[in-house]
Structure formats: C-alpha cells, structure tokens
PDB file of N, CA and C in Angstrom:
ATOM      1  N   MET A   1      49.190 127.186 130.914  1.00  0.00           N
ATOM      2  CA  MET A   1      47.928 126.622 131.356  1.00  0.00           C
ATOM      3  C   MET A   1      47.200 127.671 132.198  1.00  0.00           C
ATOM      4  N   PRO A   2      46.011 128.076 131.798  1.00  0.00           N
ATOM      5  CA  PRO A   2      45.282 129.113 132.535  1.00  0.00           C
ATOM      6  C   PRO A   2      44.796 128.590 133.883  1.00  0.00           C
ATOM      7  N   MET A   3      44.722 129.542 134.841  1.00  0.00           N
ATOM      8  CA  MET A   3      44.248 129.213 136.190  1.00  0.00           C
ATOM      9  C   MET A   3      42.736 129.050 136.150  1.00  0.00           C
ATOM     10  N   PRO A   4      42.208 128.047 136.826  1.00  0.00           N
ATOM     11  CA  PRO A   4      40.745 127.893 136.853  1.00  0.00           C
ATOM     12  C   PRO A   4      40.089 129.113 137.490  1.00  0.00           C
ATOM     13  N   ALA A   5      38.838 129.348 137.143  1.00  0.00           N
ATOM     14  CA  ALA A   5      38.110 130.521 137.632  1.00  0.00           C
ATOM     15  C   ALA A   5      38.036 130.535 139.155  1.00  0.00           C
ATOM     16  N   THR A   6      37.875 129.391 139.786  1.00  0.00           N
ATOM     17  CA  THR A   6      37.790 129.371 141.250  1.00  0.00           C
ATOM     18  C   THR A   6      39.133 129.710 141.880  1.00  0.00           C
ATOM     19  N   GLY A   7      40.235 129.288 141.278  1.00  0.00           N
ATOM     20  CA  GLY A   7      41.560 129.611 141.793  1.00  0.00           C
ATOM     21  C   GLY A   7      41.839 131.098 141.692  1.00  0.00           C
ATOM     22  N   TRP A   8      41.457 131.712 140.591  1.00  0.00           N
ATOM     23  CA  TRP A   8      41.636 133.151 140.399  1.00  0.00           C
ATOM     24  C   TRP A   8      40.796 133.933 141.400  1.00  0.00           C
ATOM     25  N   LEU A   9      39.557 133.497 141.589  1.00  0.00           N
ATOM     26  CA  LEU A   9      38.663 134.161 142.530  1.00  0.00           C
ATOM     27  C   LEU A   9      39.161 134.019 143.973  1.00  0.00           C
ATOM     28  N   THR A  10      39.667 132.862 144.336  1.00  0.00           N
ATOM     29  CA  THR A  10      40.214 132.649 145.677  1.00  0.00           C
ATOM     30  C   THR A  10      41.421 133.553 145.913  1.00  0.00           C
ATOM     31  N   SER A  11      42.300 133.650 144.933  1.00  0.00           N
ATOM     32  CA  SER A  11      43.475 134.521 145.065  1.00  0.00           C
ATOM     33  C   SER A  11      43.061 135.972 145.235  1.00  0.00           C
ATOM     34  N   LEU A  12      42.082 136.405 144.465  1.00  0.00           N
ATOM     35  CA  LEU A  12      41.585 137.773 144.560  1.00  0.00           C
ATOM     36  C   LEU A  12      40.970 138.042 145.929  1.00  0.00           C
ATOM     37  N   LEU A  13      40.204 137.106 146.452  1.00  0.00           N
ATOM     38  CA  LEU A  13      39.590 137.279 147.764  1.00  0.00           C
ATOM     39  C   LEU A  13      40.647 137.333 148.864  1.00  0.00           C
ATOM     40  N   TRP A  14      41.678 136.504 148.785  1.00  0.00           N
ATOM     41  CA  TRP A  14      42.765 136.566 149.774  1.00  0.00           C
ATOM     42  C   TRP A  14      43.488 137.905 149.700  1.00  0.00           C
ATOM     43  N   PHE A  15      43.736 138.379 148.499  1.00  0.00           N
ATOM     44  CA  PHE A  15      44.394 139.673 148.324  1.00  0.00           C
ATOM     45  C   PHE A  15      43.564 140.790 148.962  1.00  0.00           C
ATOM     46  N   LEU A  16      42.266 140.806 148.706  1.00  0.00           N
ATOM     47  CA  LEU A  16      41.390 141.830 149.283  1.00  0.00           C
ATOM     48  C   LEU A  16      41.317 141.712 150.806  1.00  0.00           C
ATOM     49  N   ALA A  17      41.329 140.484 151.319  1.00  0.00           N
ATOM     50  CA  ALA A  17      41.301 140.294 152.773  1.00  0.00           C
ATOM     51  C   ALA A  17      42.567 140.855 153.416  1.00  0.00           C
ATOM     52  N   ILE A  18      43.712 140.619 152.796  1.00  0.00           N
ATOM     53  CA  ILE A  18      44.968 141.143 153.343  1.00  0.00           C
ATOM     54  C   ILE A  18      44.986 142.659 153.288  1.00  0.00           C
ATOM     55  N   ILE A  19      44.527 143.230 152.202  1.00  0.00           N
ATOM     56  CA  ILE A  19      44.464 144.688 152.071  1.00  0.00           C
ATOM     57  C   ILE A  19      43.526 145.274 153.134  1.00  0.00           C
ATOM     58  N   ALA A  20      42.440 144.596 153.449  1.00  0.00           N
ATOM     59  CA  ALA A  20      41.501 145.079 154.467  1.00  0.00           C
ATOM     60  C   ALA A  20      42.073 144.936 155.876  1.00  0.00           C
ATOM     61  N   VAL A  21      42.917 143.948 156.114  1.00  0.00           N
ATOM     62  CA  VAL A  21      43.470 143.717 157.446  1.00  0.00           C
ATOM     63  C   VAL A  21      44.537 144.746 157.799  1.00  0.00           C
ATOM     64  N   ILE A  22      45.248 145.290 156.826  1.00  0.00           N
ATOM     65  CA  ILE A  22      46.326 146.241 157.106  1.00  0.00           C
ATOM     66  C   ILE A  22      45.825 147.460 157.886  1.00  0.00           C
ATOM     67  N   PRO A  23      44.781 148.186 157.437  1.00  0.00           N
ATOM     68  CA  PRO A  23      44.307 149.322 158.241  1.00  0.00           C
ATOM     69  C   PRO A  23      43.776 148.903 159.609  1.00  0.00           C
ATOM     70  N   LEU A  24      43.161 147.733 159.674  1.00  0.00           N
ATOM     71  CA  LEU A  24      42.660 147.236 160.958  1.00  0.00           C
ATOM     72  C   LEU A  24      43.823 146.990 161.926  1.00  0.00           C
ATOM     73  N   ALA A  25      44.895 146.381 161.443  1.00  0.00           N
ATOM     74  CA  ALA A  25      46.056 146.126 162.292  1.00  0.00           C
ATOM     75  C   ALA A  25      46.694 147.435 162.748  1.00  0.00           C
ATOM     76  N   LEU A  26      46.792 148.419 161.864  1.00  0.00           N
ATOM     77  CA  LEU A  26      47.347 149.712 162.243  1.00  0.00           C
ATOM     78  C   LEU A  26      46.471 150.408 163.273  1.00  0.00           C
ATOM     79  N   TRP A  27      45.167 150.313 163.110  1.00  0.00           N
ATOM     80  CA  TRP A  27      44.228 150.917 164.057  1.00  0.00           C
ATOM     81  C   TRP A  27      44.383 150.275 165.438  1.00  0.00           C
ATOM     82  N   LEU A  28      44.503 148.945 165.481  1.00  0.00           N
ATOM     83  CA  LEU A  28      44.681 148.248 166.759  1.00  0.00           C
ATOM     84  C   LEU A  28      46.029 148.582 167.386  1.00  0.00           C
ATOM     85  N   LEU A  29      47.085 148.650 166.573  1.00  0.00           N
ATOM     86  CA  LEU A  29      48.406 148.972 167.085  1.00  0.00           C
ATOM     87  C   LEU A  29      48.442 150.363 167.695  1.00  0.00           C
ATOM     88  N   LYS A  30      47.715 151.286 167.100  1.00  0.00           N
ATOM     89  CA  LYS A  30      47.671 152.659 167.597  1.00  0.00           C
ATOM     90  C   LYS A  30      47.078 152.727 169.000  1.00  0.00           C
ATOM     91  N   ARG A  31      46.239 151.780 169.350  1.00  0.00           N
ATOM     92  CA  ARG A  31      45.565 151.798 170.635  1.00  0.00           C
ATOM     93  C   ARG A  31      46.248 150.947 171.696  1.00  0.00           C
ATOM     94  N   THR A  32      47.413 150.424 171.403  1.00  0.00           N
ATOM     95  CA  THR A  32      48.173 149.669 172.394  1.00  0.00           C
ATOM     96  C   THR A  32      49.288 150.548 172.941  1.00  0.00           C
ATOM     97  N   PRO A  33      49.797 150.265 174.135  1.00  0.00           N
ATOM     98  CA  PRO A  33      50.897 151.076 174.669  1.00  0.00           C
ATOM     99  C   PRO A  33      52.129 151.063 173.773  1.00  0.00           C
ATOM    100  N   MET A  34      52.403 149.947 173.107  1.00  0.00           N
ATOM    101  CA  MET A  34      53.550 149.880 172.221  1.00  0.00           C
ATOM    102  C   MET A  34      53.370 150.811 171.015  1.00  0.00           C
ATOM    103  N   GLY A  35      52.148 151.020 170.608  1.00  0.00           N
ATOM    104  CA  GLY A  35      51.880 151.871 169.457  1.00  0.00           C
ATOM    105  C   GLY A  35      51.727 153.333 169.802  1.00  0.00           C
ATOM    106  N   GLY A  36      51.894 153.719 171.039  1.00  0.00           N
ATOM    107  CA  GLY A  36      51.840 155.116 171.429  1.00  0.00           C
ATOM    108  C   GLY A  36      50.525 155.542 172.052  1.00  0.00           C
ATOM    109  N   ALA A  37      49.731 154.610 172.526  1.00  0.00           N
ATOM    110  CA  ALA A  37      48.483 154.978 173.184  1.00  0.00           C
ATOM    111  C   ALA A  37      48.779 155.752 174.466  1.00  0.00           C
ATOM    112  N   THR A  38      47.932 156.708 174.772  1.00  0.00           N
ATOM    113  CA  THR A  38      48.139 157.524 175.970  1.00  0.00           C
ATOM    114  C   THR A  38      47.715 156.771 177.221  1.00  0.00           C
ATOM    115  N   SER A  39      48.121 157.279 178.355  1.00  0.00           N
ATOM    116  CA  SER A  39      47.811 156.624 179.624  1.00  0.00           C
ATOM    117  C   SER A  39      46.757 157.413 180.396  1.00  0.00           C
ATOM    118  N   ASN A  40      45.703 157.840 179.736  1.00  0.00           N
ATOM    119  CA  ASN A  40      44.565 158.520 180.350  1.00  0.00           C
ATOM    120  C   ASN A  40      44.960 159.779 181.109  1.00  0.00           C
ATOM    121  N   GLY A  41      45.944 160.512 180.623  1.00  0.00           N
ATOM    122  CA  GLY A  41      46.324 161.767 181.251  1.00  0.00           C
ATOM    123  C   GLY A  41      47.137 161.623 182.515  1.00  0.00           C
ATOM    124  N   LEU A  42      47.574 160.434 182.875  1.00  0.00           N
ATOM    125  CA  LEU A  42      48.366 160.250 184.079  1.00  0.00           C
ATOM    126  C   LEU A  42      49.842 160.556 183.846  1.00  0.00           C
ATOM    127  N   MET A  43      50.249 160.596 182.583  1.00  0.00           N
ATOM    128  CA  MET A  43      51.639 160.892 182.273  1.00  0.00           C
ATOM    129  C   MET A  43      51.674 161.745 181.006  1.00  0.00           C
ATOM    130  N   ARG A  44      52.565 162.739 181.011  1.00  0.00           N
ATOM    131  CA  ARG A  44      52.650 163.645 179.880  1.00  0.00           C
ATOM    132  C   ARG A  44      54.100 164.025 179.652  1.00  0.00           C
ATOM    133  N   HIS A  45      54.468 164.081 178.405  1.00  0.00           N
ATOM    134  CA  HIS A  45      55.816 164.464 178.007  1.00  0.00           C
ATOM    135  C   HIS A  45      55.926 165.980 178.065  1.00  0.00           C
ATOM    136  N   VAL A  46      56.921 166.521 178.745  1.00  0.00           N
ATOM    137  CA  VAL A  46      57.066 167.970 178.886  1.00  0.00           C
ATOM    138  C   VAL A  46      58.172 168.509 177.993  1.00  0.00           C
ATOM    139  N   ALA A  47      59.380 167.929 178.058  1.00  0.00           N
ATOM    140  CA  ALA A  47      60.500 168.460 177.279  1.00  0.00           C
ATOM    141  C   ALA A  47      61.575 167.402 177.084  1.00  0.00           C
ATOM    142  N   VAL A  48      62.421 167.640 176.066  1.00  0.00           N
ATOM    143  CA  VAL A  48      63.560 166.770 175.779  1.00  0.00           C
ATOM    144  C   VAL A  48      64.767 167.639 175.485  1.00  0.00           C
ATOM    145  N   LEU A  49      65.916 167.252 176.014  1.00  0.00           N
ATOM    146  CA  LEU A  49      67.174 167.910 175.704  1.00  0.00           C
ATOM    147  C   LEU A  49      68.154 166.844 175.227  1.00  0.00           C
ATOM    148  N   PRO A  50      68.379 166.749 173.909  1.00  0.00           N
ATOM    149  CA  PRO A  50      69.342 165.752 173.420  1.00  0.00           C
ATOM    150  C   PRO A  50      70.759 166.162 173.816  1.00  0.00           C
ATOM    151  N   LEU A  51      71.504 165.251 174.400  1.00  0.00           N
ATOM    152  CA  LEU A  51      72.886 165.510 174.786  1.00  0.00           C
ATOM    153  C   LEU A  51      73.859 164.935 173.757  1.00  0.00           C
ATOM    154  N   SER A  52      73.502 163.813 173.178  1.00  0.00           N
ATOM    155  CA  SER A  52      74.279 163.185 172.119  1.00  0.00           C
ATOM    156  C   SER A  52      73.314 162.313 171.323  1.00  0.00           C
ATOM    157  N   ALA A  53      73.856 161.541 170.401  1.00  0.00           N
ATOM    158  CA  ALA A  53      72.991 160.685 169.582  1.00  0.00           C
ATOM    159  C   ALA A  53      72.258 159.640 170.412  1.00  0.00           C
ATOM    160  N   SER A  54      72.811 159.272 171.559  1.00  0.00           N
ATOM    161  CA  SER A  54      72.182 158.215 172.347  1.00  0.00           C
ATOM    162  C   SER A  54      71.848 158.626 173.780  1.00  0.00           C
ATOM    163  N   GLN A  55      72.013 159.896 174.126  1.00  0.00           N
ATOM    164  CA  GLN A  55      71.729 160.344 175.489  1.00  0.00           C
ATOM    165  C   GLN A  55      70.817 161.561 175.469  1.00  0.00           C
ATOM    166  N   ARG A  56      69.839 161.556 176.390  1.00  0.00           N
ATOM    167  CA  ARG A  56      68.882 162.659 176.478  1.00  0.00           C
ATOM    168  C   ARG A  56      68.532 162.933 177.931  1.00  0.00           C
ATOM    169  N   VAL A  57      68.116 164.157 178.173  1.00  0.00           N
ATOM    170  CA  VAL A  57      67.480 164.496 179.436  1.00  0.00           C
ATOM    171  C   VAL A  57      66.015 164.747 179.087  1.00  0.00           C
ATOM    172  N   VAL A  58      65.123 164.013 179.720  1.00  0.00           N
ATOM    173  CA  VAL A  58      63.696 164.067 179.414  1.00  0.00           C
ATOM    174  C   VAL A  58      62.952 164.484 180.668  1.00  0.00           C
ATOM    175  N   THR A  59      61.977 165.376 180.506  1.00  0.00           N
ATOM    176  CA  THR A  59      61.118 165.774 181.622  1.00  0.00           C
ATOM    177  C   THR A  59      59.708 165.273 181.335  1.00  0.00           C
ATOM    178  N   VAL A  60      59.153 164.509 182.271  1.00  0.00           N
ATOM    179  CA  VAL A  60      57.791 164.004 182.143  1.00  0.00           C
ATOM    180  C   VAL A  60      56.989 164.413 183.369  1.00  0.00           C
ATOM    181  N   GLU A  61      55.705 164.608 183.163  1.00  0.00           N
ATOM    182  CA  GLU A  61      54.797 164.930 184.264  1.00  0.00           C
ATOM    183  C   GLU A  61      53.995 163.680 184.570  1.00  0.00           C
ATOM    184  N   VAL A  62      53.949 163.304 185.838  1.00  0.00           N
ATOM    185  CA  VAL A  62      53.194 162.130 186.255  1.00  0.00           C
ATOM    186  C   VAL A  62      52.197 162.535 187.333  1.00  0.00           C
ATOM    187  N   GLY A  63      51.095 161.796 187.417  1.00  0.00           N
ATOM    188  CA  GLY A  63      50.088 162.058 188.435  1.00  0.00           C
ATOM    189  C   GLY A  63      49.067 163.087 187.990  1.00  0.00           C
ATOM    190  N   GLN A  64      48.108 163.357 188.880  1.00  0.00           N
ATOM    191  CA  GLN A  64      47.042 164.315 188.619  1.00  0.00           C
ATOM    192  C   GLN A  64      46.792 165.142 189.863  1.00  0.00           C
ATOM    193  N   GLY A  65      46.256 166.337 189.663  1.00  0.00           N
ATOM    194  CA  GLY A  65      45.885 167.196 190.778  1.00  0.00           C
ATOM    195  C   GLY A  65      47.059 167.552 191.660  1.00  0.00           C
ATOM    196  N   GLU A  66      46.872 167.420 192.976  1.00  0.00           N
ATOM    197  CA  GLU A  66      47.925 167.762 193.936  1.00  0.00           C
ATOM    198  C   GLU A  66      49.099 166.783 193.898  1.00  0.00           C
ATOM    199  N   ALA A  67      48.885 165.602 193.358  1.00  0.00           N
ATOM    200  CA  ALA A  67      49.935 164.586 193.322  1.00  0.00           C
ATOM    201  C   ALA A  67      50.825 164.708 192.080  1.00  0.00           C
ATOM    202  N   ARG A  68      50.595 165.738 191.247  1.00  0.00           N
ATOM    203  CA  ARG A  68      51.410 165.905 190.043  1.00  0.00           C
ATOM    204  C   ARG A  68      52.864 166.205 190.395  1.00  0.00           C
ATOM    205  N   ARG A  69      53.759 165.588 189.672  1.00  0.00           N
ATOM    206  CA  ARG A  69      55.197 165.825 189.841  1.00  0.00           C
ATOM    207  C   ARG A  69      55.865 165.781 188.480  1.00  0.00           C
ATOM    208  N   TRP A  70      56.961 166.496 188.365  1.00  0.00           N
ATOM    209  CA  TRP A  70      57.805 166.411 187.183  1.00  0.00           C
ATOM    210  C   TRP A  70      59.010 165.559 187.531  1.00  0.00           C
ATOM    211  N   LEU A  71      59.323 164.614 186.659  1.00  0.00           N
ATOM    212  CA  LEU A  71      60.503 163.782 186.813  1.00  0.00           C
ATOM    213  C   LEU A  71      61.485 164.174 185.715  1.00  0.00           C
ATOM    214  N   VAL A  72      62.703 164.510 186.104  1.00  0.00           N
ATOM    215  CA  VAL A  72      63.762 164.786 185.143  1.00  0.00           C
ATOM    216  C   VAL A  72      64.569 163.500 185.043  1.00  0.00           C
ATOM    217  N   LEU A  73      64.594 162.911 183.853  1.00  0.00           N
ATOM    218  CA  LEU A  73      65.176 161.597 183.652  1.00  0.00           C
ATOM    219  C   LEU A  73      66.372 161.671 182.714  1.00  0.00           C
ATOM    220  N   GLY A  74      67.396 160.937 183.028  1.00  0.00           N
ATOM    221  CA  GLY A  74      68.516 160.736 182.120  1.00  0.00           C
ATOM    222  C   GLY A  74      68.260 159.454 181.359  1.00  0.00           C
ATOM    223  N   VAL A  75      68.222 159.540 180.022  1.00  0.00           N
ATOM    224  CA  VAL A  75      67.864 158.389 179.200  1.00  0.00           C
ATOM    225  C   VAL A  75      69.039 158.025 178.293  1.00  0.00           C
ATOM    226  N   THR A  76      69.483 156.782 178.396  1.00  0.00           N
ATOM    227  CA  THR A  76      70.515 156.230 177.524  1.00  0.00           C
ATOM    228  C   THR A  76      69.974 154.924 176.953  1.00  0.00           C
ATOM    229  N   PRO A  77      70.641 154.338 175.971  1.00  0.00           N
ATOM    230  CA  PRO A  77      70.141 153.064 175.432  1.00  0.00           C
ATOM    231  C   PRO A  77      70.064 151.951 176.476  1.00  0.00           C
ATOM    232  N   GLY A  78      70.899 152.013 177.504  1.00  0.00           N
ATOM    233  CA  GLY A  78      70.911 150.940 178.498  1.00  0.00           C
ATOM    234  C   GLY A  78      70.142 151.202 179.766  1.00  0.00           C
ATOM    235  N   SER A  79      69.748 152.465 180.012  1.00  0.00           N
ATOM    236  CA  SER A  79      69.073 152.734 181.292  1.00  0.00           C
ATOM    237  C   SER A  79      68.306 154.051 181.260  1.00  0.00           C
ATOM    238  N   ILE A  80      67.438 154.189 182.249  1.00  0.00           N
ATOM    239  CA  ILE A  80      66.723 155.438 182.519  1.00  0.00           C
ATOM    240  C   ILE A  80      66.947 155.734 183.997  1.00  0.00           C
ATOM    241  N   THR A  81      67.489 156.908 184.291  1.00  0.00           N
ATOM    242  CA  THR A  81      67.833 157.273 185.664  1.00  0.00           C
ATOM    243  C   THR A  81      67.088 158.539 186.065  1.00  0.00           C
ATOM    244  N   THR A  82      66.481 158.547 187.239  1.00  0.00           N
ATOM    245  CA  THR A  82      65.826 159.748 187.748  1.00  0.00           C
ATOM    246  C   THR A  82      66.898 160.705 188.250  1.00  0.00           C
ATOM    247  N   LEU A  83      66.973 161.887 187.638  1.00  0.00           N
ATOM    248  CA  LEU A  83      67.962 162.880 188.024  1.00  0.00           C
ATOM    249  C   LEU A  83      67.419 163.846 189.063  1.00  0.00           C
ATOM    250  N   HIS A  84      66.103 164.153 188.964  1.00  0.00           N
ATOM    251  CA  HIS A  84      65.507 165.134 189.869  1.00  0.00           C
ATOM    252  C   HIS A  84      63.994 164.969 189.848  1.00  0.00           C
ATOM    253  N   THR A  85      63.343 165.303 190.952  1.00  0.00           N
ATOM    254  CA  THR A  85      61.883 165.343 191.054  1.00  0.00           C
ATOM    255  C   THR A  85      61.514 166.736 191.532  1.00  0.00           C
ATOM    256  N   MET A  86      60.503 167.345 190.874  1.00  0.00           N
ATOM    257  CA  MET A  86      60.146 168.713 191.255  1.00  0.00           C
ATOM    258  C   MET A  86      58.664 168.974 191.018  1.00  0.00           C
ATOM    259  N   GLU A  87      58.203 170.108 191.555  1.00  0.00           N
ATOM    260  CA  GLU A  87      56.824 170.551 191.353  1.00  0.00           C
ATOM    261  C   GLU A  87      56.651 170.983 189.896  1.00  0.00           C
ATOM    262  N   PRO A  88      55.455 170.805 189.326  1.00  0.00           N
ATOM    263  CA  PRO A  88      55.221 171.256 187.946  1.00  0.00           C
ATOM    264  C   PRO A  88      55.391 172.771 187.821  1.00  0.00           C
ATOM    265  N   GLN A  89      55.940 173.199 186.719  1.00  0.00           N
ATOM    266  CA  GLN A  89      56.157 174.620 186.459  1.00  0.00           C
ATOM    267  C   GLN A  89      54.973 175.179 185.683  1.00  0.00           C
ATOM    268  N   ALA A  90      54.644 176.436 185.924  1.00  0.00           N
ATOM    269  CA  ALA A  90      53.485 177.061 185.293  1.00  0.00           C
ATOM    270  C   ALA A  90      53.716 177.390 183.828  1.00  0.00           C
ATOM    271  N   ASP A  91      54.946 177.659 183.427  1.00  0.00           N
ATOM    272  CA  ASP A  91      55.208 178.098 182.064  1.00  0.00           C
ATOM    273  C   ASP A  91      55.604 176.954 181.137  1.00  0.00           C
ATOM    274  N   ALA A  92      55.148 175.751 181.409  1.00  0.00           N
ATOM    275  CA  ALA A  92      55.494 174.585 180.591  1.00  0.00           C
ATOM    276  C   ALA A  92      54.621 174.526 179.349  1.00  0.00           C
ATOM    277  N   PRO A  93      55.097 173.897 178.271  1.00  0.00           N
ATOM    278  CA  PRO A  93      54.252 173.703 177.097  1.00  0.00           C
ATOM    279  C   PRO A  93      53.033 172.865 177.467  1.00  0.00           C
ATOM    280  N   ALA A  94      51.887 173.206 176.903  1.00  0.00           N
ATOM    281  CA  ALA A  94      50.640 172.534 177.277  1.00  0.00           C
ATOM    282  C   ALA A  94      50.352 171.295 176.452  1.00  0.00           C
ATOM    283  N   SER A  95      51.112 171.040 175.404  1.00  0.00           N
ATOM    284  CA  SER A  95      50.792 169.920 174.535  1.00  0.00           C
ATOM    285  C   SER A  95      51.411 168.634 175.053  1.00  0.00           C
ATOM    286  N   ASN A  96      50.900 167.501 174.554  1.00  0.00           N
ATOM    287  CA  ASN A  96      51.435 166.196 174.893  1.00  0.00           C
ATOM    288  C   ASN A  96      52.518 165.768 173.922  1.00  0.00           C
ATOM    289  N   THR A  97      52.859 166.609 172.966  1.00  0.00           N
ATOM    290  CA  THR A  97      53.862 166.257 171.986  1.00  0.00           C
ATOM    291  C   THR A  97      55.208 166.829 172.395  1.00  0.00           C
ATOM    292  N   PRO A  98      56.277 166.203 171.973  1.00  0.00           N
ATOM    293  CA  PRO A  98      57.598 166.718 172.316  1.00  0.00           C
ATOM    294  C   PRO A  98      57.820 168.114 171.754  1.00  0.00           C
ATOM    295  N   ALA A  99      58.623 168.910 172.431  1.00  0.00           N
ATOM    296  CA  ALA A  99      58.917 170.262 171.994  1.00  0.00           C
ATOM    297  C   ALA A  99      60.051 170.237 170.977  1.00  0.00           C
ATOM    298  N   LEU A 100      59.898 169.423 169.946  1.00  0.00           N
ATOM    299  CA  LEU A 100      60.878 169.316 168.883  1.00  0.00           C
ATOM    300  C   LEU A 100      60.230 169.776 167.587  1.00  0.00           C
ATOM    301  N   PRO A 101      61.010 170.348 166.649  1.00  0.00           N
ATOM    302  CA  PRO A 101      60.412 170.787 165.395  1.00  0.00           C
ATOM    303  C   PRO A 101      59.913 169.608 164.582  1.00  0.00           C
ATOM    304  N   GLY A 102      58.808 169.810 163.877  1.00  0.00           N
ATOM    305  CA  GLY A 102      58.257 168.783 163.022  1.00  0.00           C
ATOM    306  C   GLY A 102      59.032 168.699 161.719  1.00  0.00           C
ATOM    307  N   PHE A 103      58.780 167.657 160.967  1.00  0.00           N
ATOM    308  CA  PHE A 103      59.480 167.451 159.703  1.00  0.00           C
ATOM    309  C   PHE A 103      59.219 168.593 158.740  1.00  0.00           C
ATOM    310  N   ALA A 104      57.972 169.058 158.665  1.00  0.00           N
ATOM    311  CA  ALA A 104      57.639 170.142 157.738  1.00  0.00           C
ATOM    312  C   ALA A 104      58.383 171.429 158.106  1.00  0.00           C
ATOM    313  N   GLN A 105      58.506 171.711 159.409  1.00  0.00           N
ATOM    314  CA  GLN A 105      59.231 172.914 159.833  1.00  0.00           C
ATOM    315  C   GLN A 105      60.711 172.801 159.491  1.00  0.00           C
ATOM    316  N   MET A 106      61.300 171.629 159.722  1.00  0.00           N
ATOM    317  CA  MET A 106      62.719 171.455 159.410  1.00  0.00           C
ATOM    318  C   MET A 106      62.957 171.557 157.898  1.00  0.00           C
ATOM    319  N   LEU A 107      62.057 170.974 157.098  1.00  0.00           N
ATOM    320  CA  LEU A 107      62.188 171.043 155.652  1.00  0.00           C
ATOM    321  C   LEU A 107      62.066 172.485 155.175  1.00  0.00           C
ATOM    322  N   GLY A 108      61.107 173.244 155.734  1.00  0.00           N
ATOM    323  CA  GLY A 108      60.961 174.651 155.373  1.00  0.00           C
ATOM    324  C   GLY A 108      62.196 175.463 155.714  1.00  0.00           C
ATOM    325  N   LYS A 109      62.773 175.203 156.877  1.00  0.00           N
ATOM    326  CA  LYS A 109      63.992 175.920 157.269  1.00  0.00           C
ATOM    327  C   LYS A 109      65.142 175.555 156.341  1.00  0.00           C
ATOM    328  N   LEU A 110      65.250 174.279 155.989  1.00  0.00           N
ATOM    329  CA  LEU A 110      66.300 173.840 155.073  1.00  0.00           C
ATOM    330  C   LEU A 110      66.137 174.515 153.713  1.00  0.00           C
ATOM    331  N   ARG A 111      64.907 174.593 153.248  1.00  0.00           N
ATOM    332  CA  ARG A 111      64.662 175.248 151.954  1.00  0.00           C
ATOM    333  C   ARG A 111      65.043 176.718 151.999  1.00  0.00           C
ATOM    334  N   GLN A 112      64.723 177.400 153.108  1.00  0.00           N
ATOM    335  CA  GLN A 112      65.089 178.815 153.238  1.00  0.00           C
ATOM    336  C   GLN A 112      66.599 178.978 153.293  1.00  0.00           C
ATOM    337  N   ASP A 113      67.262 178.123 154.047  1.00  0.00           N
ATOM    338  CA  ASP A 113      68.718 178.201 154.193  1.00  0.00           C
ATOM    339  C   ASP A 113      69.431 177.931 152.870  1.00  0.00           C
ATOM    340  N   LYS A 114      68.900 177.040 152.058  1.00  0.00           N
ATOM    341  CA  LYS A 114      69.547 176.663 150.807  1.00  0.00           C
ATOM    342  C   LYS A 114      69.036 177.475 149.619  1.00  0.00           C
ATOM    343  N   GLY A 115      68.033 178.333 149.842  1.00  0.00           N
ATOM    344  CA  GLY A 115      67.493 179.135 148.748  1.00  0.00           C
ATOM    345  C   GLY A 115      66.573 178.363 147.823  1.00  0.00           C
ATOM    346  N   TRP A 116      65.891 177.328 148.313  1.00  0.00           N
ATOM    347  CA  TRP A 116      65.020 176.504 147.497  1.00  0.00           C
ATOM    348  C   TRP A 116      63.564 176.947 147.546  1.00  0.00           C
ATOM    349  N   ALA A 117      63.242 178.020 148.214  1.00  0.00           N
ATOM    350  CA  ALA A 117      61.842 178.387 148.479  1.00  0.00           C
ATOM    351  C   ALA A 117      61.032 178.518 147.193  1.00  0.00           C
ATOM    352  N   GLY A 118      61.601 179.105 146.133  1.00  0.00           N
ATOM    353  CA  GLY A 118      60.833 179.326 144.913  1.00  0.00           C
ATOM    354  C   GLY A 118      61.016 178.252 143.880  1.00  0.00           C
ATOM    355  N   GLU A 119      61.904 177.302 144.083  1.00  0.00           N
ATOM    356  CA  GLU A 119      62.165 176.274 143.079  1.00  0.00           C
ATOM    357  C   GLU A 119      61.176 175.132 143.200  1.00  0.00           C
ATOM    358  N   ARG A 120      61.011 174.426 142.102  1.00  0.00           N
ATOM    359  CA  ARG A 120      60.152 173.247 142.085  1.00  0.00           C
ATOM    360  C   ARG A 120      60.851 172.124 141.414  1.00  0.00           C
TER     361      ARG A 120
END
C-alpha cells in the first residue's frame, strides 16, 4: 500500500529538519565549556607529561598580567592535585593547544618508519 503524498512529504520535512539541526547542535556545543570553549584568556594549557595511561602532569597558566601563575597539576582519573605553583616562564609555547603531536604528524612518522611513504 503506497504512502499518501502528505505522509511522504511530512517524513521528508522531518528528515531535512533533523539534518539541519545537527550542525546547529554542534555549533552550540562548541561554544559551551563542555565542548571546549575558551575562558576568555584567563586560563591556558602550557604542557602535558603523560606518566601512564591514566596519570599526567599538566601545566596550566591562570590569570592575566601581574597575577599570572603557572599551576603544575597531577591529574588522575579520580583527582587533580596541585603539585607546584610558579611564575610563568619566558620560553613556554605560545599556543593554546597541547604540546602533543597531531594525528597527521604521527601518521607521517609511522609511514616513514614502516616505509609506506611512496605506497598508495
């Protein structure tokens, strides 16, 4: 039994509405703290040192101007502990991104190590 024209049109409109809502939801999520929105320059990620699969030492910069401080934090799945507080260092990375290699860099290194550079 064929679907009536209005039923088909309603289904199509709902499908298009859902497809349109997905980018909108992602855009809104990006601007929330849970989605990784920044805190107006009051906090910045400086460095990460992985100790194991679940433990890290993380350095973050908090504050602005003369009130800037670096916090060295011990991070585990169950807690975050302040290990040290210090003055900001001049030779720190200037970006807000972690000082970890990106996926493309790791893939390129893997290809070089395995001899895949010229293969397709």
